[in-house]
Amino acid sequence: RITELRLPLNHAEDALRPAIVKRLGIRDAQLRRFTIFKRS
């Protein structure tokens, strides 16, 4: 679980995946799937 992942209000629909990869410091292929638990 990643918390406090911040993106601009008008971010692109596909911006979340690269933000997760960057936050975890992993390669894109290592991220099998993700789900949004909360958005505020």
PDB file of all heavy atoms in Angstrom:
ATOM      1  N   ARG A   1       0.847  -1.193   0.000  1.00  0.00           N
ATOM      2  CA  ARG A   1       0.000   0.000   0.000  1.00  0.00           C
ATOM      3  C   ARG A   1       0.883   1.244   0.000  1.00  0.00           C
ATOM      4  O   ARG A   1       1.773   1.395   0.851  1.00  0.00           O
ATOM      5  CB  ARG A   1      -0.934   0.016   1.207  1.00  0.00           C
ATOM      6  CG  ARG A   1      -1.733   1.320   1.335  1.00  0.00           C
ATOM      7  CD  ARG A   1      -2.929   1.175   2.246  1.00  0.00           C
ATOM      8  NE  ARG A   1      -3.923   0.276   1.655  1.00  0.00           N
ATOM      9  CZ  ARG A   1      -5.062  -0.058   2.270  1.00  0.00           C
ATOM     10  NH1 ARG A   1      -5.332   0.410   3.471  1.00  0.00           N
ATOM     11  NH2 ARG A   1      -5.922  -0.872   1.675  1.00  0.00           N
ATOM     12  N   ILE A   2       0.611   2.134  -0.960  1.00  0.00           N
ATOM     13  CA  ILE A   2       1.275   3.439  -1.021  1.00  0.00           C
ATOM     14  C   ILE A   2       0.253   4.482  -0.584  1.00  0.00           C
ATOM     15  O   ILE A   2      -0.874   4.517  -1.102  1.00  0.00           O
ATOM     16  CB  ILE A   2       1.760   3.776  -2.449  1.00  0.00           C
ATOM     17  CG1 ILE A   2       2.662   2.685  -2.997  1.00  0.00           C
ATOM     18  CG2 ILE A   2       2.483   5.115  -2.464  1.00  0.00           C
ATOM     19  CD1 ILE A   2       3.038   2.894  -4.466  1.00  0.00           C
ATOM     20  N   THR A   3       0.617   5.326   0.346  1.00  0.00           N
ATOM     21  CA  THR A   3      -0.240   6.430   0.760  1.00  0.00           C
ATOM     22  C   THR A   3       0.404   7.761   0.364  1.00  0.00           C
ATOM     23  O   THR A   3       1.603   7.827   0.075  1.00  0.00           O
ATOM     24  CB  THR A   3      -0.480   6.407   2.280  1.00  0.00           C
ATOM     25  OG1 THR A   3       0.782   6.499   2.966  1.00  0.00           O
ATOM     26  CG2 THR A   3      -1.162   5.118   2.714  1.00  0.00           C
ATOM     27  N   GLU A   4      -0.402   8.797   0.336  1.00  0.00           N
ATOM     28  CA  GLU A   4       0.087  10.161   0.048  1.00  0.00           C
ATOM     29  C   GLU A   4       0.777  10.251  -1.314  1.00  0.00           C
ATOM     30  O   GLU A   4       1.804  10.934  -1.467  1.00  0.00           O
ATOM     31  CB  GLU A   4       1.027  10.654   1.154  1.00  0.00           C
ATOM     32  CG  GLU A   4       0.348  10.936   2.465  1.00  0.00           C
ATOM     33  CD  GLU A   4      -0.562  12.170   2.406  1.00  0.00           C
ATOM     34  OE1 GLU A   4      -0.156  13.188   1.821  1.00  0.00           O
ATOM     35  OE2 GLU A   4      -1.675  12.087   2.953  1.00  0.00           O
ATOM     36  N   LEU A   5       0.200   9.588  -2.297  1.00  0.00           N
ATOM     37  CA  LEU A   5       0.725   9.711  -3.664  1.00  0.00           C
ATOM     38  C   LEU A   5      -0.012  10.861  -4.339  1.00  0.00           C
ATOM     39  O   LEU A   5      -1.207  10.763  -4.620  1.00  0.00           O
ATOM     40  CB  LEU A   5       0.509   8.404  -4.422  1.00  0.00           C
ATOM     41  CG  LEU A   5       1.133   8.302  -5.817  1.00  0.00           C
ATOM     42  CD1 LEU A   5       2.659   8.415  -5.739  1.00  0.00           C
ATOM     43  CD2 LEU A   5       0.744   6.996  -6.486  1.00  0.00           C
ATOM     44  N   ARG A   6       0.703  11.940  -4.597  1.00  0.00           N
ATOM     45  CA  ARG A   6       0.074  13.179  -5.067  1.00  0.00           C
ATOM     46  C   ARG A   6       0.269  13.386  -6.562  1.00  0.00           C
ATOM     47  O   ARG A   6       1.384  13.241  -7.069  1.00  0.00           O
ATOM     48  CB  ARG A   6       0.649  14.379  -4.297  1.00  0.00           C
ATOM     49  CG  ARG A   6       0.267  14.377  -2.824  1.00  0.00           C
ATOM     50  CD  ARG A   6       1.006  15.438  -2.015  1.00  0.00           C
ATOM     51  NE  ARG A   6       0.468  15.490  -0.674  1.00  0.00           N
ATOM     52  CZ  ARG A   6      -0.353  16.433  -0.204  1.00  0.00           C
ATOM     53  NH1 ARG A   6      -0.725  17.428  -1.008  1.00  0.00           N
ATOM     54  NH2 ARG A   6      -0.808  16.388   1.028  1.00  0.00           N
ATOM     55  N   LEU A   7      -0.853  13.743  -7.219  1.00  0.00           N
ATOM     56  CA  LEU A   7      -0.812  14.057  -8.641  1.00  0.00           C
ATOM     57  C   LEU A   7      -1.614  15.326  -8.890  1.00  0.00           C
ATOM     58  O   LEU A   7      -2.579  15.615  -8.151  1.00  0.00           O
ATOM     59  CB  LEU A   7      -1.399  12.908  -9.469  1.00  0.00           C
ATOM     60  CG  LEU A   7      -0.586  11.609  -9.537  1.00  0.00           C
ATOM     61  CD1 LEU A   7      -1.358  10.554 -10.306  1.00  0.00           C
ATOM     62  CD2 LEU A   7       0.771  11.853 -10.177  1.00  0.00           C
ATOM     63  N   PRO A   8      -1.259  16.107  -9.913  1.00  0.00           N
ATOM     64  CA  PRO A   8      -2.010  17.336 -10.201  1.00  0.00           C
ATOM     65  C   PRO A   8      -3.478  17.043 -10.475  1.00  0.00           C
ATOM     66  O   PRO A   8      -3.844  15.943 -10.919  1.00  0.00           O
ATOM     67  CB  PRO A   8      -1.311  17.899 -11.441  1.00  0.00           C
ATOM     68  CG  PRO A   8       0.037  17.252 -11.456  1.00  0.00           C
ATOM     69  CD  PRO A   8      -0.135  15.907 -10.836  1.00  0.00           C
ATOM     70  N   LEU A   9      -4.324  18.023 -10.247  1.00  0.00           N
ATOM     71  CA  LEU A   9      -5.760  17.854 -10.418  1.00  0.00           C
ATOM     72  C   LEU A   9      -6.102  17.367 -11.824  1.00  0.00           C
ATOM     73  O   LEU A   9      -6.967  16.500 -12.000  1.00  0.00           O
ATOM     74  CB  LEU A   9      -6.462  19.184 -10.131  1.00  0.00           C
ATOM     75  CG  LEU A   9      -7.985  19.170 -10.131  1.00  0.00           C
ATOM     76  CD1 LEU A   9      -8.521  18.314  -9.004  1.00  0.00           C
ATOM     77  CD2 LEU A   9      -8.526  20.601 -10.005  1.00  0.00           C
ATOM     78  N   ASN A  10      -5.427  17.904 -12.816  1.00  0.00           N
ATOM     79  CA  ASN A  10      -5.750  17.570 -14.205  1.00  0.00           C
ATOM     80  C   ASN A  10      -4.781  16.553 -14.795  1.00  0.00           C
ATOM     81  O   ASN A  10      -4.473  16.592 -15.997  1.00  0.00           O
ATOM     82  CB  ASN A  10      -5.764  18.846 -15.055  1.00  0.00           C
ATOM     83  CG  ASN A  10      -6.920  19.767 -14.680  1.00  0.00           C
ATOM     84  OD1 ASN A  10      -8.074  19.341 -14.650  1.00  0.00           O
ATOM     85  ND2 ASN A  10      -6.614  21.012 -14.380  1.00  0.00           N
ATOM     86  N   HIS A  11      -4.325  15.635 -13.980  1.00  0.00           N
ATOM     87  CA  HIS A  11      -3.371  14.654 -14.501  1.00  0.00           C
ATOM     88  C   HIS A  11      -4.049  13.743 -15.525  1.00  0.00           C
ATOM     89  O   HIS A  11      -5.266  13.529 -15.506  1.00  0.00           O
ATOM     90  CB  HIS A  11      -2.759  13.838 -13.358  1.00  0.00           C
ATOM     91  CG  HIS A  11      -3.716  12.884 -12.681  1.00  0.00           C
ATOM     92  ND1 HIS A  11      -4.104  11.689 -13.230  1.00  0.00           N
ATOM     93  CD2 HIS A  11      -4.344  12.959 -11.475  1.00  0.00           C
ATOM     94  CE1 HIS A  11      -4.916  11.057 -12.419  1.00  0.00           C
ATOM     95  NE2 HIS A  11      -5.099  11.813 -11.345  1.00  0.00           N
ATOM     96  N   ALA A  12      -3.247  13.197 -16.416  1.00  0.00           N
ATOM     97  CA  ALA A  12      -3.753  12.291 -17.435  1.00  0.00           C
ATOM     98  C   ALA A  12      -4.241  10.994 -16.808  1.00  0.00           C
ATOM     99  O   ALA A  12      -3.785  10.593 -15.731  1.00  0.00           O
ATOM    100  CB  ALA A  12      -2.656  11.994 -18.457  1.00  0.00           C
ATOM    101  N   GLU A  13      -5.180  10.331 -17.464  1.00  0.00           N
ATOM    102  CA  GLU A  13      -5.744   9.098 -16.934  1.00  0.00           C
ATOM    103  C   GLU A  13      -4.683   8.033 -16.703  1.00  0.00           C
ATOM    104  O   GLU A  13      -4.779   7.236 -15.771  1.00  0.00           O
ATOM    105  CB  GLU A  13      -6.811   8.554 -17.893  1.00  0.00           C
ATOM    106  CG  GLU A  13      -8.148   9.263 -17.784  1.00  0.00           C
ATOM    107  CD  GLU A  13      -9.222   8.540 -18.580  1.00  0.00           C
ATOM    108  OE1 GLU A  13      -9.229   7.287 -18.566  1.00  0.00           O
ATOM    109  OE2 GLU A  13     -10.036   9.218 -19.213  1.00  0.00           O
ATOM    110  N   ASP A  14      -3.653   8.016 -17.558  1.00  0.00           N
ATOM    111  CA  ASP A  14      -2.633   6.977 -17.447  1.00  0.00           C
ATOM    112  C   ASP A  14      -1.427   7.430 -16.630  1.00  0.00           C
ATOM    113  O   ASP A  14      -0.367   6.788 -16.663  1.00  0.00           O
ATOM    114  CB  ASP A  14      -2.175   6.536 -18.841  1.00  0.00           C
ATOM    115  CG  ASP A  14      -1.620   7.695 -19.673  1.00  0.00           C
ATOM    116  OD1 ASP A  14      -1.625   8.844 -19.172  1.00  0.00           O
ATOM    117  OD2 ASP A  14      -1.186   7.453 -20.816  1.00  0.00           O
ATOM    118  N   ALA A  15      -1.555   8.514 -15.856  1.00  0.00           N
ATOM    119  CA  ALA A  15      -0.407   9.047 -15.111  1.00  0.00           C
ATOM    120  C   ALA A  15      -0.146   8.292 -13.811  1.00  0.00           C
ATOM    121  O   ALA A  15       0.944   8.397 -13.226  1.00  0.00           O
ATOM    122  CB  ALA A  15      -0.625  10.530 -14.797  1.00  0.00           C
ATOM    123  N   LEU A  16      -1.123   7.530 -13.331  1.00  0.00           N
ATOM    124  CA  LEU A  16      -0.975   6.899 -12.023  1.00  0.00           C
ATOM    125  C   LEU A  16       0.052   5.765 -12.047  1.00  0.00           C
ATOM    126  O   LEU A  16       0.882   5.645 -11.123  1.00  0.00           O
ATOM    127  CB  LEU A  16      -2.340   6.384 -11.541  1.00  0.00           C
ATOM    128  CG  LEU A  16      -2.483   6.055 -10.051  1.00  0.00           C
ATOM    129  CD1 LEU A  16      -2.010   7.208  -9.176  1.00  0.00           C
ATOM    130  CD2 LEU A  16      -3.932   5.721  -9.725  1.00  0.00           C
ATOM    131  N   ARG A  17       0.024   4.969 -13.087  1.00  0.00           N
ATOM    132  CA  ARG A  17       0.964   3.836 -13.144  1.00  0.00           C
ATOM    133  C   ARG A  17       2.431   4.290 -13.115  1.00  0.00           C
ATOM    134  O   ARG A  17       3.202   3.791 -12.289  1.00  0.00           O
ATOM    135  CB  ARG A  17       0.681   2.972 -14.370  1.00  0.00           C
ATOM    136  CG  ARG A  17       1.564   1.732 -14.442  1.00  0.00           C
ATOM    137  CD  ARG A  17       1.289   0.873 -15.667  1.00  0.00           C
ATOM    138  NE  ARG A  17       2.147  -0.288 -15.654  1.00  0.00           N
ATOM    139  CZ  ARG A  17       1.821  -1.468 -15.132  1.00  0.00           C
ATOM    140  NH1 ARG A  17       0.627  -1.631 -14.588  1.00  0.00           N
ATOM    141  NH2 ARG A  17       2.680  -2.481 -15.148  1.00  0.00           N
ATOM    142  N   PRO A  18       2.847   5.230 -13.978  1.00  0.00           N
ATOM    143  CA  PRO A  18       4.244   5.675 -13.887  1.00  0.00           C
ATOM    144  C   PRO A  18       4.570   6.336 -12.552  1.00  0.00           C
ATOM    145  O   PRO A  18       5.716   6.241 -12.080  1.00  0.00           O
ATOM    146  CB  PRO A  18       4.401   6.648 -15.057  1.00  0.00           C
ATOM    147  CG  PRO A  18       3.025   6.974 -15.507  1.00  0.00           C
ATOM    148  CD  PRO A  18       2.175   5.821 -15.166  1.00  0.00           C
ATOM    149  N   ALA A  19       3.586   6.980 -11.924  1.00  0.00           N
ATOM    150  CA  ALA A  19       3.832   7.587 -10.612  1.00  0.00           C
ATOM    151  C   ALA A  19       4.096   6.510  -9.566  1.00  0.00           C
ATOM    152  O   ALA A  19       4.956   6.679  -8.679  1.00  0.00           O
ATOM    153  CB  ALA A  19       2.640   8.447 -10.209  1.00  0.00           C
ATOM    154  N   ILE A  20       3.377   5.388  -9.650  1.00  0.00           N
ATOM    155  CA  ILE A  20       3.593   4.274  -8.722  1.00  0.00           C
ATOM    156  C   ILE A  20       4.981   3.662  -8.943  1.00  0.00           C
ATOM    157  O   ILE A  20       5.733   3.411  -7.989  1.00  0.00           O
ATOM    158  CB  ILE A  20       2.500   3.203  -8.902  1.00  0.00           C
ATOM    159  CG1 ILE A  20       1.139   3.759  -8.492  1.00  0.00           C
ATOM    160  CG2 ILE A  20       2.831   1.948  -8.107  1.00  0.00           C
ATOM    161  CD1 ILE A  20      -0.034   2.869  -8.889  1.00  0.00           C
ATOM    162  N   VAL A  21       5.328   3.438 -10.204  1.00  0.00           N
ATOM    163  CA  VAL A  21       6.624   2.854 -10.537  1.00  0.00           C
ATOM    164  C   VAL A  21       7.755   3.730 -10.011  1.00  0.00           C
ATOM    165  O   VAL A  21       8.730   3.238  -9.407  1.00  0.00           O
ATOM    166  CB  VAL A  21       6.733   2.655 -12.066  1.00  0.00           C
ATOM    167  CG1 VAL A  21       8.168   2.319 -12.470  1.00  0.00           C
ATOM    168  CG2 VAL A  21       5.766   1.575 -12.534  1.00  0.00           C
ATOM    169  N   LYS A  22       7.617   5.044 -10.209  1.00  0.00           N
ATOM    170  CA  LYS A  22       8.648   5.972  -9.735  1.00  0.00           C
ATOM    171  C   LYS A  22       8.726   5.974  -8.220  1.00  0.00           C
ATOM    172  O   LYS A  22       9.818   5.985  -7.636  1.00  0.00           O
ATOM    173  CB  LYS A  22       8.345   7.379 -10.266  1.00  0.00           C
ATOM    174  CG  LYS A  22       9.365   8.419  -9.839  1.00  0.00           C
ATOM    175  CD  LYS A  22       9.013   9.788 -10.414  1.00  0.00           C
ATOM    176  CE  LYS A  22      10.020  10.846  -9.970  1.00  0.00           C
ATOM    177  NZ  LYS A  22       9.676  12.188 -10.514  1.00  0.00           N
ATOM    178  N   ARG A  23       7.556   5.957  -7.577  1.00  0.00           N
ATOM    179  CA  ARG A  23       7.522   6.024  -6.109  1.00  0.00           C
ATOM    180  C   ARG A  23       8.175   4.800  -5.482  1.00  0.00           C
ATOM    181  O   ARG A  23       8.873   4.899  -4.470  1.00  0.00           O
ATOM    182  CB  ARG A  23       6.061   6.122  -5.653  1.00  0.00           C
ATOM    183  CG  ARG A  23       5.881   6.314  -4.163  1.00  0.00           C
ATOM    184  CD  ARG A  23       6.336   7.720  -3.752  1.00  0.00           C
ATOM    185  NE  ARG A  23       6.299   7.893  -2.317  1.00  0.00           N
ATOM    186  CZ  ARG A  23       7.199   7.380  -1.479  1.00  0.00           C
ATOM    187  NH1 ARG A  23       8.205   6.657  -1.932  1.00  0.00           N
ATOM    188  NH2 ARG A  23       7.099   7.602  -0.179  1.00  0.00           N
ATOM    189  N   LEU A  24       7.978   3.631  -6.095  1.00  0.00           N
ATOM    190  CA  LEU A  24       8.551   2.403  -5.556  1.00  0.00           C
ATOM    191  C   LEU A  24       9.978   2.148  -6.042  1.00  0.00           C
ATOM    192  O   LEU A  24      10.663   1.272  -5.500  1.00  0.00           O
ATOM    193  CB  LEU A  24       7.669   1.209  -5.926  1.00  0.00           C
ATOM    194  CG  LEU A  24       6.262   1.176  -5.314  1.00  0.00           C
ATOM    195  CD1 LEU A  24       5.489  -0.028  -5.833  1.00  0.00           C
ATOM    196  CD2 LEU A  24       6.322   1.159  -3.789  1.00  0.00           C
ATOM    197  N   GLY A  25      10.386   2.892  -7.064  1.00  0.00           N
ATOM    198  CA  GLY A  25      11.733   2.700  -7.598  1.00  0.00           C
ATOM    199  C   GLY A  25      11.893   1.358  -8.276  1.00  0.00           C
ATOM    200  O   GLY A  25      12.915   0.672  -8.108  1.00  0.00           O
ATOM    201  N   ILE A  26      10.871   0.945  -9.043  1.00  0.00           N
ATOM    202  CA  ILE A  26      10.899  -0.346  -9.718  1.00  0.00           C
ATOM    203  C   ILE A  26      10.738  -0.148 -11.226  1.00  0.00           C
ATOM    204  O   ILE A  26      10.418   0.950 -11.691  1.00  0.00           O
ATOM    205  CB  ILE A  26       9.777  -1.281  -9.203  1.00  0.00           C
ATOM    206  CG1 ILE A  26       8.394  -0.652  -9.458  1.00  0.00           C
ATOM    207  CG2 ILE A  26       9.968  -1.583  -7.717  1.00  0.00           C
ATOM    208  CD1 ILE A  26       7.224  -1.533  -9.075  1.00  0.00           C
ATOM    209  N   ARG A  27      10.948  -1.243 -11.983  1.00  0.00           N
ATOM    210  CA  ARG A  27      10.685  -1.203 -13.410  1.00  0.00           C
ATOM    211  C   ARG A  27       9.191  -1.394 -13.659  1.00  0.00           C
ATOM    212  O   ARG A  27       8.495  -2.020 -12.870  1.00  0.00           O
ATOM    213  CB  ARG A  27      11.487  -2.294 -14.130  1.00  0.00           C
ATOM    214  CG  ARG A  27      12.995  -2.077 -14.121  1.00  0.00           C
ATOM    215  CD  ARG A  27      13.734  -3.253 -14.748  1.00  0.00           C
ATOM    216  NE  ARG A  27      13.717  -4.430 -13.881  1.00  0.00           N
ATOM    217  CZ  ARG A  27      12.957  -5.492 -14.071  1.00  0.00           C
ATOM    218  NH1 ARG A  27      12.149  -5.559 -15.134  1.00  0.00           N
ATOM    219  NH2 ARG A  27      13.003  -6.526 -13.242  1.00  0.00           N
ATOM    220  N   ASP A  28       8.703  -0.873 -14.760  1.00  0.00           N
ATOM    221  CA  ASP A  28       7.282  -0.977 -15.061  1.00  0.00           C
ATOM    222  C   ASP A  28       6.819  -2.437 -15.093  1.00  0.00           C
ATOM    223  O   ASP A  28       5.715  -2.760 -14.643  1.00  0.00           O
ATOM    224  CB  ASP A  28       6.977  -0.308 -16.407  1.00  0.00           C
ATOM    225  CG  ASP A  28       5.494  -0.328 -16.734  1.00  0.00           C
ATOM    226  OD1 ASP A  28       4.762   0.543 -16.229  1.00  0.00           O
ATOM    227  OD2 ASP A  28       5.066  -1.239 -17.482  1.00  0.00           O
ATOM    228  N   ALA A  29       7.683  -3.323 -15.590  1.00  0.00           N
ATOM    229  CA  ALA A  29       7.309  -4.730 -15.696  1.00  0.00           C
ATOM    230  C   ALA A  29       7.101  -5.377 -14.325  1.00  0.00           C
ATOM    231  O   ALA A  29       6.438  -6.417 -14.211  1.00  0.00           O
ATOM    232  CB  ALA A  29       8.371  -5.493 -16.481  1.00  0.00           C
ATOM    233  N   GLN A  30       7.681  -4.783 -13.294  1.00  0.00           N
ATOM    234  CA  GLN A  30       7.534  -5.353 -11.949  1.00  0.00           C
ATOM    235  C   GLN A  30       6.163  -5.052 -11.337  1.00  0.00           C
ATOM    236  O   GLN A  30       5.775  -5.707 -10.369  1.00  0.00           O
ATOM    237  CB  GLN A  30       8.626  -4.808 -11.021  1.00  0.00           C
ATOM    238  CG  GLN A  30      10.011  -5.354 -11.301  1.00  0.00           C
ATOM    239  CD  GLN A  30      11.024  -4.781 -10.326  1.00  0.00           C
ATOM    240  OE1 GLN A  30      11.706  -3.800 -10.629  1.00  0.00           O
ATOM    241  NE2 GLN A  30      11.107  -5.381  -9.145  1.00  0.00           N
ATOM    242  N   LEU A  31       5.448  -4.073 -11.860  1.00  0.00           N
ATOM    243  CA  LEU A  31       4.121  -3.725 -11.345  1.00  0.00           C
ATOM    244  C   LEU A  31       3.079  -4.562 -12.076  1.00  0.00           C
ATOM    245  O   LEU A  31       2.719  -4.278 -13.220  1.00  0.00           O
ATOM    246  CB  LEU A  31       3.848  -2.228 -11.536  1.00  0.00           C
ATOM    247  CG  LEU A  31       2.469  -1.717 -11.069  1.00  0.00           C
ATOM    248  CD1 LEU A  31       2.240  -1.995  -9.592  1.00  0.00           C
ATOM    249  CD2 LEU A  31       2.332  -0.222 -11.357  1.00  0.00           C
ATOM    250  N   ARG A  32       2.622  -5.627 -11.415  1.00  0.00           N
ATOM    251  CA  ARG A  32       1.682  -6.531 -12.070  1.00  0.00           C
ATOM    252  C   ARG A  32       0.291  -5.905 -12.195  1.00  0.00           C
ATOM    253  O   ARG A  32      -0.363  -6.005 -13.228  1.00  0.00           O
ATOM    254  CB  ARG A  32       1.628  -7.859 -11.312  1.00  0.00           C
ATOM    255  CG  ARG A  32       2.886  -8.703 -11.488  1.00  0.00           C
ATOM    256  CD  ARG A  32       2.669 -10.124 -11.005  1.00  0.00           C
ATOM    257  NE  ARG A  32       2.702 -10.201  -9.552  1.00  0.00           N
ATOM    258  CZ  ARG A  32       3.618 -10.846  -8.853  1.00  0.00           C
ATOM    259  NH1 ARG A  32       4.598 -11.486  -9.486  1.00  0.00           N
ATOM    260  NH2 ARG A  32       3.580 -10.889  -7.541  1.00  0.00           N
ATOM    261  N   ARG A  33      -0.184  -5.288 -11.124  1.00  0.00           N
ATOM    262  CA  ARG A  33      -1.495  -4.623 -11.148  1.00  0.00           C
ATOM    263  C   ARG A  33      -1.586  -3.704  -9.943  1.00  0.00           C
ATOM    264  O   ARG A  33      -0.806  -3.811  -8.991  1.00  0.00           O
ATOM    265  CB  ARG A  33      -2.634  -5.643 -11.111  1.00  0.00           C
ATOM    266  CG  ARG A  33      -2.679  -6.512  -9.881  1.00  0.00           C
ATOM    267  CD  ARG A  33      -3.723  -7.616  -9.994  1.00  0.00           C
ATOM    268  NE  ARG A  33      -3.700  -8.486  -8.822  1.00  0.00           N
ATOM    269  CZ  ARG A  33      -4.428  -8.292  -7.721  1.00  0.00           C
ATOM    270  NH1 ARG A  33      -5.237  -7.243  -7.637  1.00  0.00           N
ATOM    271  NH2 ARG A  33      -4.351  -9.131  -6.700  1.00  0.00           N
ATOM    272  N   PHE A  34      -2.566  -2.798  -9.983  1.00  0.00           N
ATOM    273  CA  PHE A  34      -2.801  -1.922  -8.833  1.00  0.00           C
ATOM    274  C   PHE A  34      -4.283  -1.557  -8.794  1.00  0.00           C
ATOM    275  O   PHE A  34      -4.986  -1.598  -9.812  1.00  0.00           O
ATOM    276  CB  PHE A  34      -1.935  -0.662  -8.894  1.00  0.00           C
ATOM    277  CG  PHE A  34      -2.281   0.288 -10.007  1.00  0.00           C
ATOM    278  CD1 PHE A  34      -3.212   1.316  -9.806  1.00  0.00           C
ATOM    279  CD2 PHE A  34      -1.684   0.174 -11.256  1.00  0.00           C
ATOM    280  CE1 PHE A  34      -3.538   2.184 -10.826  1.00  0.00           C
ATOM    281  CE2 PHE A  34      -2.005   1.047 -12.280  1.00  0.00           C
ATOM    282  CZ  PHE A  34      -2.931   2.064 -12.071  1.00  0.00           C
ATOM    283  N   THR A  35      -4.744  -1.232  -7.611  1.00  0.00           N
ATOM    284  CA  THR A  35      -6.113  -0.745  -7.419  1.00  0.00           C
ATOM    285  C   THR A  35      -6.067   0.504  -6.554  1.00  0.00           C
ATOM    286  O   THR A  35      -5.231   0.620  -5.652  1.00  0.00           O
ATOM    287  CB  THR A  35      -7.018  -1.790  -6.742  1.00  0.00           C
ATOM    288  OG1 THR A  35      -6.450  -2.173  -5.480  1.00  0.00           O
ATOM    289  CG2 THR A  35      -7.184  -3.022  -7.612  1.00  0.00           C
ATOM    290  N   ILE A  36      -6.981   1.426  -6.838  1.00  0.00           N
ATOM    291  CA  ILE A  36      -7.083   2.639  -6.017  1.00  0.00           C
ATOM    292  C   ILE A  36      -7.911   2.311  -4.778  1.00  0.00           C
ATOM    293  O   ILE A  36      -9.066   1.894  -4.886  1.00  0.00           O
ATOM    294  CB  ILE A  36      -7.739   3.785  -6.805  1.00  0.00           C
ATOM    295  CG1 ILE A  36      -6.930   4.109  -8.058  1.00  0.00           C
ATOM    296  CG2 ILE A  36      -7.871   5.037  -5.930  1.00  0.00           C
ATOM    297  CD1 ILE A  36      -7.632   5.094  -8.996  1.00  0.00           C
ATOM    298  N   PHE A  37      -7.330   2.473  -3.621  1.00  0.00           N
ATOM    299  CA  PHE A  37      -8.061   2.247  -2.375  1.00  0.00           C
ATOM    300  C   PHE A  37      -8.782   3.512  -1.912  1.00  0.00           C
ATOM    301  O   PHE A  37      -9.883   3.452  -1.383  1.00  0.00           O
ATOM    302  CB  PHE A  37      -7.105   1.767  -1.272  1.00  0.00           C
ATOM    303  CG  PHE A  37      -7.806   1.427   0.021  1.00  0.00           C
ATOM    304  CD1 PHE A  37      -8.457   0.211   0.161  1.00  0.00           C
ATOM    305  CD2 PHE A  37      -7.831   2.328   1.078  1.00  0.00           C
ATOM    306  CE1 PHE A  37      -9.122  -0.109   1.340  1.00  0.00           C
ATOM    307  CE2 PHE A  37      -8.486   2.023   2.260  1.00  0.00           C
ATOM    308  CZ  PHE A  37      -9.139   0.794   2.390  1.00  0.00           C
ATOM    309  N   LYS A  38      -8.171   4.661  -2.164  1.00  0.00           N
ATOM    310  CA  LYS A  38      -8.784   5.919  -1.747  1.00  0.00           C
ATOM    311  C   LYS A  38      -8.259   7.049  -2.612  1.00  0.00           C
ATOM    312  O   LYS A  38      -7.089   7.057  -2.991  1.00  0.00           O
ATOM    313  CB  LYS A  38      -8.483   6.212  -0.267  1.00  0.00           C
ATOM    314  CG  LYS A  38      -9.118   7.479   0.268  1.00  0.00           C
ATOM    315  CD  LYS A  38      -8.768   7.684   1.736  1.00  0.00           C
ATOM    316  CE  LYS A  38      -9.373   8.968   2.287  1.00  0.00           C
ATOM    317  NZ  LYS A  38      -9.001   9.186   3.703  1.00  0.00           N
ATOM    318  N   ARG A  39      -9.154   7.994  -2.951  1.00  0.00           N
ATOM    319  CA  ARG A  39      -8.747   9.212  -3.649  1.00  0.00           C
ATOM    320  C   ARG A  39      -9.401  10.402  -2.967  1.00  0.00           C
ATOM    321  O   ARG A  39     -10.618  10.458  -2.811  1.00  0.00           O
ATOM    322  CB  ARG A  39      -9.175   9.183  -5.122  1.00  0.00           C
ATOM    323  CG  ARG A  39      -8.655  10.396  -5.923  1.00  0.00           C
ATOM    324  CD  ARG A  39      -9.260  10.443  -7.311  1.00  0.00           C
ATOM    325  NE  ARG A  39     -10.678  10.812  -7.257  1.00  0.00           N
ATOM    326  CZ  ARG A  39     -11.565  10.492  -8.188  1.00  0.00           C
ATOM    327  NH1 ARG A  39     -11.192   9.776  -9.236  1.00  0.00           N
ATOM    328  NH2 ARG A  39     -12.829  10.860  -8.071  1.00  0.00           N
ATOM    329  N   SER A  40      -8.591  11.344  -2.538  1.00  0.00           N
ATOM    330  CA  SER A  40      -9.090  12.579  -1.943  1.00  0.00           C
ATOM    331  C   SER A  40      -8.406  13.749  -2.629  1.00  0.00           C
ATOM    332  O   SER A  40      -7.614  13.560  -3.556  1.00  0.00           O
ATOM    333  CB  SER A  40      -8.821  12.603  -0.433  1.00  0.00           C
ATOM    334  OG  SER A  40      -7.426  12.477  -0.171  1.00  0.00           O
TER     335      SER A  40
END
